[in-house]
Amino acid sequence: MSYARIVDIRSAPGPARKSHAWQVLREAARLEPDEDARIAWYREDPIGVLGRETAEALVASGRYEEVLAFLRGVRRDLGLEAPHGFGAF
């Protein structure tokens, strides 16, 4: 089994990548309150619908918006986010 290369977000190239990593981790915190579990998910768990890559690998390749959309979709699916628009009434 091959794993994605682990990227240390503290030394990732450019401030944008660090910011994107923090955005993803902040969104993940809305689903998982345990920081250790969040970091483990970010680094180790492949996301099936995003090509079985980890969130860390996706952020490193510039696909952080897809990870954010995935996490927001999970929140909606779990009923943790209220629908927007007229459907909310």
N, C-alpha and C. Protein backbone atom coordinates (compact mmCIF):
# COMPACT_ATOMS: atom_id res chain seq x y z
N MET A 1 0.85 -1.17 0.00
CA MET A 1 0.00 0.00 0.00
C MET A 1 0.90 1.23 0.00
N SER A 2 0.60 2.20 -0.85
CA SER A 2 1.41 3.41 -0.86
C SER A 2 0.64 4.53 -0.18
N TYR A 3 1.39 5.37 0.49
CA TYR A 3 0.81 6.49 1.21
C TYR A 3 1.28 7.80 0.59
N ALA A 4 0.46 8.81 0.76
CA ALA A 4 0.85 10.14 0.27
C ALA A 4 2.02 10.65 1.10
N ARG A 5 2.84 11.44 0.46
CA ARG A 5 3.97 12.05 1.14
C ARG A 5 3.45 12.99 2.22
N ILE A 6 4.03 12.91 3.40
CA ILE A 6 3.62 13.78 4.50
C ILE A 6 4.31 15.11 4.33
N VAL A 7 3.52 16.16 4.42
CA VAL A 7 4.04 17.51 4.29
C VAL A 7 3.87 18.19 5.63
N ASP A 8 4.93 18.74 6.15
CA ASP A 8 4.87 19.47 7.41
C ASP A 8 4.31 20.85 7.09
N ILE A 9 3.11 21.14 7.57
CA ILE A 9 2.45 22.41 7.22
C ILE A 9 3.21 23.60 7.77
N ARG A 10 4.04 23.39 8.77
CA ARG A 10 4.82 24.50 9.31
C ARG A 10 5.92 24.92 8.35
N SER A 11 6.34 24.03 7.46
CA SER A 11 7.42 24.38 6.54
C SER A 11 6.99 24.27 5.08
N ALA A 12 5.70 24.17 4.84
CA ALA A 12 5.21 24.10 3.46
C ALA A 12 5.58 25.38 2.71
N PRO A 13 5.87 25.27 1.43
CA PRO A 13 6.29 26.45 0.69
C PRO A 13 5.20 27.51 0.63
N GLY A 14 5.59 28.71 0.94
CA GLY A 14 4.70 29.86 0.81
C GLY A 14 3.66 29.95 1.90
N PRO A 15 3.30 31.18 2.24
CA PRO A 15 2.29 31.39 3.28
C PRO A 15 0.89 30.93 2.85
N ALA A 16 0.64 30.91 1.55
CA ALA A 16 -0.68 30.49 1.09
C ALA A 16 -0.97 29.05 1.46
N ARG A 17 -0.01 28.16 1.29
CA ARG A 17 -0.23 26.75 1.61
C ARG A 17 -0.50 26.57 3.10
N LYS A 18 0.23 27.29 3.93
CA LYS A 18 -0.01 27.21 5.37
C LYS A 18 -1.42 27.68 5.68
N SER A 19 -1.80 28.78 5.07
CA SER A 19 -3.14 29.32 5.28
C SER A 19 -4.20 28.33 4.82
N HIS A 20 -3.97 27.70 3.69
CA HIS A 20 -4.94 26.73 3.17
C HIS A 20 -5.04 25.52 4.10
N ALA A 21 -3.91 25.08 4.62
CA ALA A 21 -3.93 23.96 5.56
C ALA A 21 -4.72 24.33 6.80
N TRP A 22 -4.51 25.53 7.32
CA TRP A 22 -5.25 25.94 8.51
C TRP A 22 -6.74 26.08 8.22
N GLN A 23 -7.09 26.55 7.02
CA GLN A 23 -8.51 26.64 6.65
C GLN A 23 -9.15 25.25 6.67
N VAL A 24 -8.46 24.27 6.10
CA VAL A 24 -8.98 22.91 6.07
C VAL A 24 -9.09 22.36 7.49
N LEU A 25 -8.06 22.55 8.30
CA LEU A 25 -8.10 22.04 9.67
C LEU A 25 -9.17 22.75 10.51
N ARG A 26 -9.37 24.03 10.27
CA ARG A 26 -10.43 24.76 10.99
C ARG A 26 -11.81 24.22 10.60
N GLU A 27 -12.00 23.96 9.31
CA GLU A 27 -13.28 23.39 8.87
C GLU A 27 -13.46 21.98 9.44
N ALA A 28 -12.39 21.21 9.48
CA ALA A 28 -12.46 19.86 10.05
C ALA A 28 -12.81 19.91 11.53
N ALA A 29 -12.41 20.98 12.21
CA ALA A 29 -12.71 21.12 13.64
C ALA A 29 -14.21 21.25 13.88
N ARG A 30 -14.94 21.66 12.88
CA ARG A 30 -16.39 21.75 13.02
C ARG A 30 -17.04 20.37 13.03
N LEU A 31 -16.28 19.37 12.58
CA LEU A 31 -16.76 17.99 12.56
C LEU A 31 -16.13 17.14 13.66
N GLU A 32 -14.87 17.39 13.92
CA GLU A 32 -14.11 16.58 14.88
C GLU A 32 -13.44 17.48 15.91
N PRO A 33 -13.93 17.47 17.14
CA PRO A 33 -13.36 18.36 18.16
C PRO A 33 -11.97 17.94 18.66
N ASP A 34 -11.62 16.67 18.52
CA ASP A 34 -10.35 16.17 19.02
C ASP A 34 -9.21 16.53 18.06
N GLU A 35 -8.27 17.34 18.52
CA GLU A 35 -7.19 17.82 17.65
C GLU A 35 -6.32 16.69 17.12
N ASP A 36 -5.99 15.72 17.97
CA ASP A 36 -5.16 14.60 17.51
C ASP A 36 -5.85 13.81 16.41
N ALA A 37 -7.15 13.61 16.56
CA ALA A 37 -7.91 12.89 15.53
C ALA A 37 -7.96 13.68 14.23
N ARG A 38 -8.10 15.00 14.34
CA ARG A 38 -8.11 15.86 13.14
C ARG A 38 -6.79 15.79 12.39
N ILE A 39 -5.69 15.89 13.12
CA ILE A 39 -4.38 15.84 12.49
C ILE A 39 -4.15 14.48 11.85
N ALA A 40 -4.56 13.42 12.54
CA ALA A 40 -4.42 12.07 11.97
C ALA A 40 -5.23 11.95 10.69
N TRP A 41 -6.46 12.46 10.70
CA TRP A 41 -7.29 12.43 9.49
C TRP A 41 -6.60 13.21 8.37
N TYR A 42 -6.15 14.41 8.67
CA TYR A 42 -5.53 15.28 7.68
C TYR A 42 -4.33 14.60 7.02
N ARG A 43 -3.53 13.92 7.81
CA ARG A 43 -2.29 13.34 7.29
C ARG A 43 -2.44 11.92 6.75
N GLU A 44 -3.39 11.14 7.28
CA GLU A 44 -3.38 9.70 7.01
C GLU A 44 -4.58 9.13 6.27
N ASP A 45 -5.74 9.74 6.39
CA ASP A 45 -6.95 9.12 5.83
C ASP A 45 -7.21 9.57 4.40
N PRO A 46 -7.17 8.63 3.46
CA PRO A 46 -7.47 9.00 2.08
C PRO A 46 -8.96 9.34 1.92
N ILE A 47 -9.23 10.32 1.10
CA ILE A 47 -10.61 10.75 0.83
C ILE A 47 -11.01 10.11 -0.50
N GLY A 48 -11.90 9.13 -0.43
CA GLY A 48 -12.28 8.35 -1.60
C GLY A 48 -12.77 9.17 -2.77
N VAL A 49 -13.64 10.13 -2.51
CA VAL A 49 -14.23 10.91 -3.60
C VAL A 49 -13.25 11.92 -4.20
N LEU A 50 -12.08 12.06 -3.58
CA LEU A 50 -11.06 12.98 -4.11
C LEU A 50 -9.81 12.22 -4.54
N GLY A 51 -10.03 11.06 -5.13
CA GLY A 51 -8.94 10.29 -5.69
C GLY A 51 -8.12 9.50 -4.68
N ARG A 52 -8.70 9.25 -3.53
CA ARG A 52 -8.04 8.50 -2.46
C ARG A 52 -6.74 9.14 -2.01
N GLU A 53 -6.68 10.46 -2.08
CA GLU A 53 -5.54 11.20 -1.56
C GLU A 53 -5.91 11.76 -0.20
N THR A 54 -4.90 12.00 0.63
CA THR A 54 -5.16 12.60 1.94
C THR A 54 -5.42 14.09 1.77
N ALA A 55 -6.04 14.67 2.79
CA ALA A 55 -6.26 16.12 2.77
C ALA A 55 -4.92 16.84 2.67
N GLU A 56 -3.92 16.34 3.35
CA GLU A 56 -2.60 16.95 3.31
C GLU A 56 -2.03 16.97 1.90
N ALA A 57 -2.12 15.86 1.20
CA ALA A 57 -1.61 15.79 -0.17
C ALA A 57 -2.42 16.69 -1.10
N LEU A 58 -3.72 16.75 -0.89
CA LEU A 58 -4.56 17.60 -1.73
C LEU A 58 -4.24 19.08 -1.52
N VAL A 59 -4.05 19.48 -0.26
CA VAL A 59 -3.69 20.86 0.03
C VAL A 59 -2.33 21.18 -0.59
N ALA A 60 -1.39 20.27 -0.46
CA ALA A 60 -0.05 20.49 -1.01
C ALA A 60 -0.07 20.65 -2.53
N SER A 61 -1.04 20.00 -3.17
CA SER A 61 -1.13 20.11 -4.63
C SER A 61 -2.07 21.24 -5.08
N GLY A 62 -2.52 22.06 -4.11
CA GLY A 62 -3.34 23.22 -4.45
C GLY A 62 -4.83 22.95 -4.54
N ARG A 63 -5.27 21.77 -4.10
CA ARG A 63 -6.69 21.40 -4.23
C ARG A 63 -7.45 21.59 -2.91
N TYR A 64 -7.04 22.57 -2.12
CA TYR A 64 -7.65 22.80 -0.80
C TYR A 64 -9.12 23.15 -0.90
N GLU A 65 -9.54 23.83 -1.95
CA GLU A 65 -10.96 24.19 -2.07
C GLU A 65 -11.83 22.95 -2.22
N GLU A 66 -11.31 21.92 -2.87
CA GLU A 66 -12.05 20.66 -2.99
C GLU A 66 -12.19 19.98 -1.63
N VAL A 67 -11.15 20.08 -0.82
CA VAL A 67 -11.22 19.49 0.53
C VAL A 67 -12.23 20.25 1.37
N LEU A 68 -12.21 21.58 1.28
CA LEU A 68 -13.19 22.38 2.01
C LEU A 68 -14.61 22.04 1.58
N ALA A 69 -14.83 21.90 0.29
CA ALA A 69 -16.16 21.55 -0.22
C ALA A 69 -16.57 20.17 0.28
N PHE A 70 -15.63 19.24 0.30
CA PHE A 70 -15.91 17.89 0.83
C PHE A 70 -16.35 17.97 2.29
N LEU A 71 -15.59 18.70 3.11
CA LEU A 71 -15.93 18.81 4.53
C LEU A 71 -17.29 19.50 4.73
N ARG A 72 -17.56 20.51 3.95
CA ARG A 72 -18.86 21.19 4.07
C ARG A 72 -20.00 20.27 3.64
N GLY A 73 -19.74 19.44 2.64
CA GLY A 73 -20.74 18.46 2.23
C GLY A 73 -21.01 17.44 3.32
N VAL A 74 -19.96 17.01 4.00
CA VAL A 74 -20.12 16.08 5.13
C VAL A 74 -20.97 16.73 6.21
N ARG A 75 -20.70 17.99 6.52
CA ARG A 75 -21.50 18.71 7.53
C ARG A 75 -22.97 18.75 7.13
N ARG A 76 -23.24 19.05 5.86
CA ARG A 76 -24.63 19.09 5.39
C ARG A 76 -25.27 17.71 5.50
N ASP A 77 -24.53 16.69 5.06
CA ASP A 77 -25.06 15.32 5.09
C ASP A 77 -25.38 14.87 6.51
N LEU A 78 -24.61 15.34 7.47
CA LEU A 78 -24.84 14.98 8.87
C LEU A 78 -25.90 15.85 9.54
N GLY A 79 -26.39 16.85 8.79
CA GLY A 79 -27.40 17.74 9.34
C GLY A 79 -26.83 18.76 10.31
N LEU A 80 -25.54 19.04 10.22
CA LEU A 80 -24.90 19.98 11.12
C LEU A 80 -24.90 21.40 10.58
N GLU A 81 -25.37 21.55 9.37
CA GLU A 81 -25.40 22.86 8.73
C GLU A 81 -26.81 23.10 8.19
N ALA A 82 -27.38 24.23 8.55
CA ALA A 82 -28.73 24.53 8.08
C ALA A 82 -28.69 24.85 6.59
N PRO A 83 -29.70 24.39 5.84
CA PRO A 83 -29.76 24.73 4.42
C PRO A 83 -29.95 26.23 4.24
N HIS A 84 -29.50 26.73 3.11
CA HIS A 84 -29.62 28.16 2.81
C HIS A 84 -30.73 28.36 1.79
N GLY A 85 -31.24 29.58 1.74
CA GLY A 85 -32.25 29.93 0.75
C GLY A 85 -33.64 29.58 1.24
N PHE A 86 -34.58 29.51 0.32
CA PHE A 86 -35.98 29.27 0.68
C PHE A 86 -36.22 27.87 1.22
N GLY A 87 -35.32 26.93 0.91
CA GLY A 87 -35.47 25.59 1.43
C GLY A 87 -35.37 25.51 2.94
N ALA A 88 -34.85 26.56 3.56
CA ALA A 88 -34.69 26.57 5.02
C ALA A 88 -36.00 26.86 5.74
N PHE A 89 -37.03 27.30 5.01
CA PHE A 89 -38.29 27.68 5.67
C PHE A 89 -39.27 26.55 5.74
